[in-house]
Structures are given as C-alpha cells and as structure tokens.
C-alpha cells in the first residue's frame, strides 16, 4: 500500500560567492553541516535514517568518489547510515528529493535525507567535461547524439538566447527581472524571512582561512543594486539579450530536507511541514534545452488535478531570466507568486544543491504566507525538468 511522503525539516546554508565566504569549506564537510542540522531540527535518532541521497553536478576532484557518502562520514551520523550521489544536472537534489519520497512512499524506507552540495569555487563548473574532442563540443556530445540533434551543444547561454527570441523577451525585460530578483532578496533579508531556513556555518575563505564569524546572509545579493548598473553589463553573445547580470550567479552551498512516511513520523515524533502532493520529471528538446519547465509544469498540473491559480507560490529556478519569464507567459501564473524572496540571479545557483535549496525556501515561504500549495521546477542540462508540488501542513 502506497504511503504519503512528508517533509519534516528543510534547511540550507547561505550561498557563497566564488572565492568567497564558503570557499574554504571542503564540499563534503559543508554538506555534513546540513545533515547535522536536519537531525538537530527534528531531534531525530540519527540511526533511524535509512539513506542519504545527495545531488551534485561536478562529481570530480573533491566532489568525486560519492560525495554523498563522504558527507555522511564527515557528519555526526553513524557510519551505518548509507549515502549515494545523483546527477540530473541542475535538478540533481530535486531528483534526490523525488527518490527519497519514492522510497518512503513504497515503504521500503521510512526516513530519508535528500540533500545537495556544490562548491563551484573548488570544483569549477564543467570540470568533469574538459577532455578535448574532435567536434569541438566536448566529449559528452556523442556522434549519434550530434546526428540526431544537429548543432546540439551544452552552452546554456545559447539556450537562454533561443528562449528569449522565441518568446519575444527584450534585454530591458530581462534587466528589469534581474533587478527585481535582487530587490526581493534584499527585502527578504531585511524582513528576516530567510532566518528560519538558513543553517549558520563558519565563514571560511580558501585563502584567508577561518574569518571568525558565522555566514548567515547570501553573499551574492547586491544591496546597492540599481537598474542602471544591471543594464550596463555587457552582453554574453553579440546581438543577444542575456548578460551575466540576468543569469544565475556561480555559488558555493549545501541544502537538504528530511523526508518520512507515516511510520517515520511516529518513529521520530515530529510534525510534518509539508506533504509531497506530486512529483514528476520530463524530457524535452536538448537544443533549446532550458524550455522543459513549461511543458513539464503543464503536465504536472494536469496529473495533480490542479490549476495554476490554485498554486500559491512558485519557485522556478532563475538559471537565466528568460526561463521564469517564458514560464510565466505560457502557464498564466501570477508574477507576484513567483520567486517571492528572489532567486538564483541574486542568491546564487549552487548547481547540485539548488533543488533542495529551492524546496527549503518554498516550504518556509508557504508557512510564512499561509499558502497551501507550492510548485517547484527548474531547467536542467540535456533538456530536462523536474516538477514538485507540495502542500503546506
């Protein structure tokens, strides 16, 4: 008999800029901080945790050799707790959440942590894909894939430009959206809305070492942001509309949620924050690549028996400004419900950690605003998108 899946704790570190306040952390040690925080928040017996499933995109260098298991061994969890690592590109830890929910819904496990980590300082983006290739596109584009999808590449900036052209989005619209992302993040910080979700960790710089203070505020937020300043950033591609200011920031960070079924609730003696109402994943055109959240959301809402108007908050990852703007345009969602505390343009996009990071923000925002349903989706390399709908409890 299928059981329900509940989120009983959700937390994240504040994001760190490349070379910034989290750059001195080994990624396994940073992820371990989140694992320990989840246990502390639930007061759970750590021996009851059946598995740790961790998203990570750059599985090389310090993030190689199953960083999920290494994070367990770097934490206070007993060594009896297993750990594994998954890669669905930017949706890696959202997929980890889906795997965790599926495990507890099946009854094969009762308590599972879904988490994610990415140190984009110590394991630079694209590091696992640096072997030379004759086609100039990288070894990850196979001859058969190239034949089926002529011109396919893994440049997400190209995909962002394609979306902007397809949906008629101007540079001015993208700049305005980026400005809004920072403004919303600034407002959230000043109102203390991130305090409940952030686990403080020691600020630790790769060059300067321990900075002697706690890192509690997302380092990417530009508190002196101006629309004029954003508009002045140079274009990434000549003739295009996307700039670094309207794209997500490179970021170091970790995040996680604890997922349980009814037996897990009883064993832990905790109250749930949210129930997982729907979860799905969808493949789409790998050339435009970043458009998948649109059809994936439409299908998810249909399967869930919900309309977009019934969803109180949406977290649509701001990999690039054209993605959430096109998503709004097609789904008919309300801009006032989208990424209400800012998104990756202001807060950073720590790749493998972003899935459970967004879910952490979504669950806490639903509680703060009294909403019922929240929807999360994100574009992923290869033309993929996960969708998760949760109900606040």
Protein backbone atom coordinates (compact mmCIF):
# COMPACT_ATOMS: atom_id res chain seq x y z
CA UNK A 1 0.00 0.00 0.00
CA UNK A 2 1.44 3.37 -1.05
CA UNK A 3 2.12 5.73 1.83
CA UNK A 4 2.29 9.51 1.96
CA UNK A 5 5.63 11.35 1.91
CA UNK A 6 6.17 14.27 4.27
CA UNK A 7 8.89 16.89 4.65
CA UNK A 8 9.69 17.30 8.36
CA UNK A 9 12.76 19.57 8.14
CA UNK A 10 14.36 21.72 5.47
CA UNK A 11 17.47 23.87 5.66
CA UNK A 12 20.29 25.34 3.62
CA UNK A 13 23.46 27.29 4.00
CA UNK A 14 23.52 30.87 2.84
CA UNK A 15 25.16 30.98 -0.58
CA UNK A 16 28.78 31.95 -1.00
CA UNK A 17 30.32 33.71 -3.98
CA UNK A 18 33.09 32.06 -5.95
CA UNK A 19 36.23 32.53 -3.87
CA UNK A 20 34.11 33.96 -1.08
CA UNK A 21 32.92 33.13 2.42
CA UNK A 22 32.36 29.39 1.83
CA UNK A 23 35.31 28.74 -0.45
CA UNK A 24 37.40 27.35 2.41
CA UNK A 25 34.97 24.50 3.02
CA UNK A 26 35.58 21.05 1.57
CA UNK A 27 32.21 20.22 -0.08
CA UNK A 28 31.74 17.02 1.92
CA UNK A 29 32.29 18.94 5.16
CA UNK A 30 29.89 21.69 4.09
CA UNK A 31 27.21 19.13 3.21
CA UNK A 32 27.80 17.45 6.58
CA UNK A 33 26.79 20.68 8.31
CA UNK A 34 23.37 20.45 6.66
CA UNK A 35 22.97 16.77 7.57
CA UNK A 36 23.71 17.54 11.20
CA UNK A 37 21.33 20.50 11.15
CA UNK A 38 18.46 18.36 9.86
CA UNK A 39 19.00 15.88 12.68
CA UNK A 40 19.17 18.70 15.22
CA UNK A 41 15.99 20.33 13.91
CA UNK A 42 13.99 17.10 14.23
CA UNK A 43 15.79 15.80 17.34
CA UNK A 44 15.84 12.51 15.46
CA UNK A 45 17.80 9.44 16.43
CA UNK A 46 20.33 9.54 13.56
CA UNK A 47 20.43 5.74 13.49
CA UNK A 48 16.83 5.82 12.17
CA UNK A 49 17.92 7.48 8.91
CA UNK A 50 17.69 4.85 6.18
CA UNK A 51 19.63 6.68 3.49
CA UNK A 52 21.15 9.98 2.36
CA UNK A 53 20.64 10.83 -1.32
CA UNK A 54 22.73 13.80 -2.40
CA UNK A 55 22.65 15.79 -5.62
CA UNK A 56 25.92 17.01 -7.08
CA UNK A 57 26.73 18.04 -10.65
CA UNK A 58 30.51 18.43 -10.61
CA UNK A 59 31.42 14.93 -9.46
CA UNK A 60 35.17 15.43 -9.82
CA UNK A 61 38.04 16.42 -7.56
CA UNK A 62 36.80 16.94 -4.01
CA UNK A 63 33.25 16.05 -5.12
CA UNK A 64 34.22 12.72 -6.63
CA UNK A 65 34.08 9.25 -5.07
CA UNK A 66 30.45 9.51 -3.89
CA UNK A 67 30.34 12.84 -2.07
CA UNK A 68 27.00 11.80 -0.54
CA UNK A 69 28.60 9.01 1.43
CA UNK A 70 31.61 11.16 2.24
CA UNK A 71 29.31 13.81 3.68
CA UNK A 72 27.78 11.20 5.98
CA UNK A 73 31.24 10.18 7.14
CA UNK A 74 32.14 13.84 7.74
CA UNK A 75 28.98 14.37 9.83
CA UNK A 76 27.90 13.12 13.23
CA UNK A 77 25.69 10.46 11.63
CA UNK A 78 26.66 6.87 12.44
CA UNK A 79 28.58 5.05 9.74
CA UNK A 80 25.62 2.67 9.42
CA UNK A 81 23.79 5.42 7.50
CA UNK A 82 24.48 4.91 3.78
CA UNK A 83 24.81 7.65 1.21
CA UNK A 84 24.70 7.98 -2.55
CA UNK A 85 25.11 10.73 -5.13
CA UNK A 86 22.88 11.54 -8.11
CA UNK A 87 23.28 13.80 -11.13
CA UNK A 88 20.34 15.23 -13.03
CA UNK A 89 22.31 18.38 -13.74
CA UNK A 90 20.76 21.46 -12.10
CA UNK A 91 17.87 19.34 -10.84
CA UNK A 92 20.12 16.87 -9.04
CA UNK A 93 18.91 17.48 -5.49
CA UNK A 94 15.30 17.95 -6.64
CA UNK A 95 15.67 14.47 -8.12
CA UNK A 96 17.23 13.34 -4.83
CA UNK A 97 14.03 14.56 -3.15
CA UNK A 98 11.94 12.55 -5.61
CA UNK A 99 13.99 9.41 -4.97
CA UNK A 100 13.68 9.94 -1.22
CA UNK A 101 9.92 10.41 -1.46
CA UNK A 102 9.54 7.34 -3.66
CA UNK A 103 11.50 5.28 -1.14
CA UNK A 104 9.31 6.24 1.82
CA UNK A 105 6.09 6.02 -0.21
CA UNK A 106 6.98 2.45 -1.16
CA UNK A 107 7.52 1.56 2.49
CA UNK A 108 10.99 0.18 1.82
CA UNK A 109 12.40 3.06 3.87
CA UNK A 110 10.85 5.33 6.49
CA UNK A 111 13.31 8.20 6.96
CA UNK A 112 15.49 9.53 4.13
CA UNK A 113 17.50 12.73 3.77
CA UNK A 114 17.57 14.34 0.32
CA UNK A 115 20.35 16.88 0.02
CA UNK A 116 22.67 18.63 -2.38
CA UNK A 117 26.07 20.26 -2.43
CA UNK A 118 28.21 22.20 -4.88
CA UNK A 119 31.46 24.03 -4.31
CA UNK A 120 31.76 25.89 -7.58
CA UNK A 121 34.94 27.50 -6.27
CA UNK A 122 36.79 24.25 -5.61
CA UNK A 123 35.23 22.20 -8.42
CA UNK A 124 34.66 24.71 -11.25
CA UNK A 125 31.62 24.28 -13.48
CA UNK A 126 32.41 21.95 -16.38
CA UNK A 127 35.46 20.43 -14.70
CA UNK A 128 34.30 16.83 -15.40
CA UNK A 129 33.84 17.73 -19.09
CA UNK A 130 37.26 19.05 -20.03
CA UNK A 131 38.60 16.30 -22.28
CA UNK A 132 39.28 17.51 -25.83
CA UNK A 133 37.00 16.38 -28.64
CA UNK A 134 37.34 16.49 -32.40
CA UNK A 135 33.92 18.07 -32.85
CA UNK A 136 34.87 20.91 -30.53
CA UNK A 137 31.71 20.43 -28.47
CA UNK A 138 33.19 18.32 -25.69
CA UNK A 139 33.41 14.55 -25.30
CA UNK A 140 29.92 14.41 -23.77
CA UNK A 141 28.26 15.05 -27.17
CA UNK A 142 28.33 11.65 -28.87
CA UNK A 143 28.35 11.22 -32.66
CA UNK A 144 24.88 9.62 -32.52
CA UNK A 145 23.53 12.46 -30.39
CA UNK A 146 25.03 15.03 -32.77
CA UNK A 147 23.46 13.22 -35.74
CA UNK A 148 20.02 13.16 -34.12
CA UNK A 149 20.24 16.76 -32.90
CA UNK A 150 22.45 18.74 -35.32
CA UNK A 151 24.09 21.69 -33.60
CA UNK A 152 23.38 20.42 -30.10
CA UNK A 153 25.78 21.79 -27.50
CA UNK A 154 25.95 22.28 -23.79
CA UNK A 155 26.07 26.09 -23.82
CA UNK A 156 23.15 27.13 -21.68
CA UNK A 157 23.68 30.76 -22.67
CA UNK A 158 22.76 29.72 -26.20
CA UNK A 159 19.59 28.06 -24.90
CA UNK A 160 18.71 31.19 -22.94
CA UNK A 161 19.08 33.33 -26.05
CA UNK A 162 16.89 30.93 -28.01
CA UNK A 163 14.14 31.18 -25.39
CA UNK A 164 14.36 34.96 -25.33
CA UNK A 165 13.92 35.08 -29.12
CA UNK A 166 11.10 32.52 -29.14
CA UNK A 167 9.05 34.34 -26.50
CA UNK A 168 9.88 37.88 -27.61
CA UNK A 169 11.76 38.88 -24.46
CA UNK A 170 13.82 42.05 -24.70
CA UNK A 171 17.02 42.92 -22.87
CA UNK A 172 15.11 45.59 -20.95
CA UNK A 173 12.65 42.95 -19.67
CA UNK A 174 15.49 40.67 -18.60
CA UNK A 175 17.32 43.50 -16.85
CA UNK A 176 14.15 44.55 -15.02
CA UNK A 177 13.57 40.97 -13.89
CA UNK A 178 17.16 40.67 -12.62
CA UNK A 179 16.75 43.94 -10.73
CA UNK A 180 13.55 42.61 -9.16
CA UNK A 181 15.31 39.41 -8.07
CA UNK A 182 17.83 41.42 -6.07
CA UNK A 183 15.13 43.71 -4.66
CA UNK A 184 13.07 40.77 -3.44
CA UNK A 185 16.12 39.11 -1.91
CA UNK A 186 17.08 42.35 -0.12
CA UNK A 187 13.54 42.68 1.22
CA UNK A 188 13.56 39.06 2.41
CA UNK A 189 16.86 39.55 4.27
CA UNK A 190 15.72 42.78 5.92
CA UNK A 191 12.40 41.20 6.96
CA UNK A 192 14.22 38.16 8.41
CA UNK A 193 12.42 35.73 6.13
CA UNK A 194 15.49 33.58 5.49
CA UNK A 195 16.44 33.20 9.16
CA UNK A 196 14.32 30.10 9.78
CA UNK A 197 15.70 28.24 6.78
CA UNK A 198 19.42 29.07 6.94
CA UNK A 199 21.85 26.99 8.96
CA UNK A 200 24.72 29.26 10.05
CA UNK A 201 28.19 27.92 9.28
CA UNK A 202 31.61 29.37 9.90
CA UNK A 203 32.73 31.83 7.24
CA UNK A 204 35.83 30.21 5.79
CA UNK A 205 37.79 31.63 2.87
CA UNK A 206 40.09 29.44 0.79
CA UNK A 207 42.95 31.94 1.03
CA UNK A 208 42.36 33.73 4.33
CA UNK A 209 41.10 30.72 6.29
CA UNK A 210 38.56 30.99 9.10
CA UNK A 211 37.12 34.52 9.16
CA UNK A 212 35.99 34.25 12.77
CA UNK A 213 32.29 34.80 12.13
CA UNK A 214 29.17 32.99 11.02
CA UNK A 215 27.97 33.05 7.43
CA UNK A 216 24.22 33.75 7.51
CA UNK A 217 23.43 36.02 4.53
CA UNK A 218 23.56 35.04 0.86
CA UNK A 219 26.73 36.63 -0.42
CA UNK A 220 25.51 37.19 -3.96
CA UNK A 221 22.85 39.75 -3.08
CA UNK A 222 23.84 43.21 -4.30
CA UNK A 223 22.42 45.52 -1.66
CA UNK A 224 23.46 48.55 -3.74
CA UNK A 225 21.80 47.22 -6.90
CA UNK A 226 20.49 49.65 -9.49
CA UNK A 227 18.67 49.06 -12.75
CA UNK A 228 21.19 51.30 -14.48
CA UNK A 229 24.06 49.16 -13.21
CA UNK A 230 22.42 45.95 -14.41
CA UNK A 231 21.64 47.48 -17.79
CA UNK A 232 25.30 48.42 -18.22
CA UNK A 233 26.65 44.84 -18.04
CA UNK A 234 27.97 43.72 -21.42
CA UNK A 235 26.20 41.08 -23.50
CA UNK A 236 27.43 37.50 -23.37
CA UNK A 237 26.77 36.93 -27.08
CA UNK A 238 26.97 39.65 -29.74
CA UNK A 239 23.47 40.55 -30.88
CA UNK A 240 21.92 38.77 -27.91
CA UNK A 241 20.00 39.98 -24.86
CA UNK A 242 21.40 37.94 -21.95
CA UNK A 243 24.18 39.27 -19.71
CA UNK A 244 25.90 37.92 -16.62
CA UNK A 245 23.56 40.18 -14.61
CA UNK A 246 20.46 38.39 -15.94
CA UNK A 247 21.96 34.93 -15.33
CA UNK A 248 22.35 32.95 -12.14
CA UNK A 249 25.43 33.51 -10.02
CA UNK A 250 28.18 30.95 -9.52
CA UNK A 251 27.75 29.83 -5.94
CA UNK A 252 29.01 27.55 -3.17
CA UNK A 253 26.38 25.98 -0.95
CA UNK A 254 24.59 22.98 0.52
CA UNK A 255 20.97 22.21 1.36
CA UNK A 256 18.75 19.35 2.45
CA UNK A 257 15.32 18.12 3.50
CA UNK A 258 14.27 15.18 5.65
CA UNK A 259 11.52 13.06 4.11
CA UNK A 260 9.46 10.48 6.03
CA UNK A 261 6.30 8.39 5.75
CA UNK A 262 3.68 7.77 8.44
CA UNK A 263 5.90 5.25 10.22
CA UNK A 264 8.74 7.73 10.11
CA UNK A 265 6.55 10.43 11.65
CA UNK A 266 5.70 8.13 14.54
CA UNK A 267 9.28 6.94 15.00
CA UNK A 268 10.64 10.49 15.09
CA UNK A 269 7.73 12.00 16.98
CA UNK A 270 7.70 15.10 14.76
CA UNK A 271 5.07 17.12 12.94
CA UNK A 272 5.29 17.49 9.16
CA UNK A 273 5.93 20.81 7.45
CA UNK A 274 4.53 19.73 4.10
CA UNK A 275 3.15 16.78 2.17
CA UNK A 276 4.51 15.91 -1.24
CA UNK A 277 1.46 16.15 -3.47
CA UNK A 278 3.03 15.46 -6.87
CA UNK A 279 6.44 14.78 -8.40
CA UNK A 280 7.44 14.15 -12.00
CA UNK A 281 10.25 14.65 -14.47
CA UNK A 282 10.11 15.27 -18.20
CA UNK A 283 12.49 15.29 -21.14
CA UNK A 284 12.28 17.94 -23.86
CA UNK A 285 14.28 19.41 -26.75
CA UNK A 286 18.00 19.31 -25.78
CA UNK A 287 18.92 22.04 -28.27
CA UNK A 288 16.87 24.87 -26.76
CA UNK A 289 17.45 22.87 -23.55
CA UNK A 290 16.01 25.26 -20.96
CA UNK A 291 12.36 25.25 -22.09
CA UNK A 292 11.42 21.96 -20.42
CA UNK A 293 9.89 23.50 -17.23
CA UNK A 294 6.98 24.83 -19.32
CA UNK A 295 5.55 21.54 -20.69
CA UNK A 296 6.64 19.75 -17.52
CA UNK A 297 4.58 22.15 -15.40
CA UNK A 298 1.57 21.87 -17.68
CA UNK A 299 1.67 18.08 -17.47
CA UNK A 300 2.27 18.08 -13.72
CA UNK A 301 -0.72 20.33 -13.04
CA UNK A 302 -2.92 18.10 -15.17
CA UNK A 303 -1.76 14.97 -13.37
CA UNK A 304 -2.21 16.64 -9.98
CA UNK A 305 -5.70 17.86 -10.86
CA UNK A 306 -4.77 21.46 -10.09
CA UNK A 307 -4.87 24.73 -11.99
CA UNK A 308 -2.09 27.30 -11.89
CA UNK A 309 -4.46 29.59 -9.97
CA UNK A 310 -4.60 27.05 -7.12
CA UNK A 311 -0.82 27.21 -6.64
CA UNK A 312 0.01 29.87 -4.06
CA UNK A 313 3.78 30.11 -4.65
CA UNK A 314 6.13 29.01 -7.40
CA UNK A 315 9.89 28.52 -7.31
CA UNK A 316 11.15 28.46 -10.89
CA UNK A 317 14.93 28.42 -10.89
CA UNK A 318 16.45 31.60 -12.27
CA UNK A 319 19.19 29.93 -14.27
CA UNK A 320 18.63 32.76 -16.75
CA UNK A 321 15.94 35.44 -16.67
CA UNK A 322 14.24 34.22 -19.89
CA UNK A 323 13.35 30.90 -18.22
CA UNK A 324 10.94 32.12 -15.49
CA UNK A 325 9.63 34.92 -17.74
CA UNK A 326 8.74 32.47 -20.53
CA UNK A 327 7.29 30.10 -17.92
CA UNK A 328 5.00 32.86 -16.63
CA UNK A 329 3.96 33.83 -20.13
CA UNK A 330 2.84 30.31 -21.09
CA UNK A 331 1.44 28.99 -17.81
CA UNK A 332 -0.52 32.13 -16.97
CA UNK A 333 0.98 32.28 -13.49
CA UNK A 334 0.99 35.45 -11.43
CA UNK A 335 4.30 37.31 -11.22
CA UNK A 336 3.56 38.20 -7.59
CA UNK A 337 3.72 34.49 -6.66
CA UNK A 338 6.97 33.72 -8.48
CA UNK A 339 10.26 33.52 -6.58
CA UNK A 340 8.87 35.85 -3.93
CA UNK A 341 12.17 36.01 -1.98
CA UNK A 342 14.34 36.45 -5.03
CA UNK A 343 16.04 33.72 -6.99
CA UNK A 344 19.32 32.45 -8.30
CA UNK A 345 20.12 35.73 -10.09
CA UNK A 346 20.50 37.33 -6.67
CA UNK A 347 21.02 34.39 -4.33
CA UNK A 348 23.22 32.15 -6.47
CA UNK A 349 22.76 28.76 -8.11
CA UNK A 350 24.91 26.12 -6.41
CA UNK A 351 24.02 23.57 -9.12
CA UNK A 352 23.56 20.25 -7.32
CA UNK A 353 22.35 21.97 -4.15
CA UNK A 354 19.73 24.15 -5.84
CA UNK A 355 16.91 21.60 -5.87
CA UNK A 356 16.59 21.16 -2.12
CA UNK A 357 17.62 24.80 -1.65
CA UNK A 358 14.56 25.96 -3.60
CA UNK A 359 12.35 23.47 -1.77
CA UNK A 360 13.64 24.75 1.57
CA UNK A 361 12.73 28.31 0.60
CA UNK A 362 9.36 27.24 -0.82
CA UNK A 363 8.27 25.32 2.28
CA UNK A 364 9.27 28.12 4.64
CA UNK A 365 7.63 30.76 2.43
CA UNK A 366 4.36 28.79 2.38
CA UNK A 367 4.34 28.78 6.18
CA UNK A 368 5.20 32.47 6.40
CA UNK A 369 2.50 33.49 3.93
CA UNK A 370 -0.16 30.94 4.86
CA UNK A 371 -0.29 29.41 1.40
CA UNK A 372 -1.48 25.88 0.72
CA UNK A 373 0.20 24.64 -2.47
CA UNK A 374 3.68 25.36 -3.75
CA UNK A 375 5.25 24.31 -7.05
CA UNK A 376 8.94 23.98 -7.83
CA UNK A 377 10.55 23.40 -11.20
CA UNK A 378 13.89 24.02 -12.84
CA UNK A 379 15.54 23.70 -16.22
CA UNK A 380 18.28 21.08 -16.45
CA UNK A 381 21.07 20.29 -18.90
CA UNK A 382 20.02 17.93 -21.67
CA UNK A 383 16.51 19.36 -21.92
CA UNK A 384 15.05 18.08 -18.64
CA UNK A 385 12.82 19.45 -15.91
CA UNK A 386 11.63 18.14 -12.56
CA UNK A 387 8.36 19.37 -11.05
CA UNK A 388 7.41 19.00 -7.39
CA UNK A 389 4.14 20.18 -5.85
CA UNK A 390 3.88 20.30 -2.06
CA UNK A 391 1.02 21.06 0.31
CA UNK A 392 1.73 23.01 3.48
CA UNK A 393 0.65 21.22 6.67
